[in-house]
């Protein structure tokens, strides 16, 4: 079982991937892959919303 600190570290690692997806979604040479990038971004946002519901005191650094 993970400690609260370990979970928070994982949350930060997950949240840090969001900016990478945003930057990738802005590239105009992705073609049909842009759909996958946008979907991944939406799913990551949904995951972060759920994390905040379950752990309301968790905040991104």
Protein backbone atom coordinates (compact mmCIF):
# COMPACT_ATOMS: atom_id res chain seq x y z
CA UNK A 1 0.00 0.00 0.00
CA UNK A 2 1.28 3.45 -0.89
CA UNK A 3 1.81 6.22 1.59
CA UNK A 4 0.01 9.54 1.10
CA UNK A 5 3.31 11.12 0.12
CA UNK A 6 3.95 8.46 -2.51
CA UNK A 7 0.47 8.95 -3.93
CA UNK A 8 0.99 12.71 -4.11
CA UNK A 9 4.27 12.15 -5.97
CA UNK A 10 2.43 9.96 -8.47
CA UNK A 11 -0.29 12.60 -8.88
CA UNK A 12 2.34 15.24 -9.61
CA UNK A 13 3.99 12.93 -12.15
CA UNK A 14 0.64 12.34 -13.86
CA UNK A 15 -0.26 16.02 -13.84
CA UNK A 16 3.13 16.98 -15.29
CA UNK A 17 2.32 14.99 -18.44
CA UNK A 18 -0.57 17.33 -19.21
CA UNK A 19 1.66 20.17 -20.39
CA UNK A 20 3.48 17.79 -22.72
CA UNK A 21 0.16 16.77 -24.28
CA UNK A 22 -0.89 20.42 -24.62
CA UNK A 23 2.34 21.26 -26.45
CA UNK A 24 1.96 18.22 -28.66
CA UNK A 25 -1.64 19.13 -29.50
CA UNK A 26 -0.47 22.51 -30.81
CA UNK A 27 1.74 20.95 -33.47
CA UNK A 28 0.23 21.11 -36.93
CA UNK A 29 2.07 18.13 -38.42
CA UNK A 30 0.34 15.35 -36.45
CA UNK A 31 -2.34 14.56 -38.99
CA UNK A 32 -4.84 12.05 -37.67
CA UNK A 33 -2.73 11.52 -34.53
CA UNK A 34 -3.98 14.88 -33.27
CA UNK A 35 -7.31 13.18 -32.49
CA UNK A 36 -5.49 10.71 -30.23
CA UNK A 37 -3.52 13.46 -28.52
CA UNK A 38 -6.67 15.47 -27.83
CA UNK A 39 -8.43 12.37 -26.51
CA UNK A 40 -5.49 11.60 -24.23
CA UNK A 41 -5.60 15.17 -22.95
CA UNK A 42 -9.33 14.92 -22.23
CA UNK A 43 -8.86 11.60 -20.42
CA UNK A 44 -5.99 13.01 -18.37
CA UNK A 45 -8.15 15.98 -17.40
CA UNK A 46 -10.93 13.58 -16.35
CA UNK A 47 -8.44 11.59 -14.28
CA UNK A 48 -7.18 14.72 -12.54
CA UNK A 49 -10.76 15.74 -11.75
CA UNK A 50 -11.38 12.34 -10.16
CA UNK A 51 -8.13 12.55 -8.17
CA UNK A 52 -9.20 15.93 -6.81
CA UNK A 53 -12.62 14.54 -5.86
CA UNK A 54 -11.10 11.65 -3.93
CA UNK A 55 -8.22 13.67 -2.47
CA UNK A 56 -9.56 17.22 -2.16
CA UNK A 57 -6.54 18.39 -0.18
CA UNK A 58 -4.16 17.41 -2.97
CA UNK A 59 -2.94 20.32 -5.04
CA UNK A 60 -0.56 20.48 -7.90
CA UNK A 61 2.77 22.11 -7.17
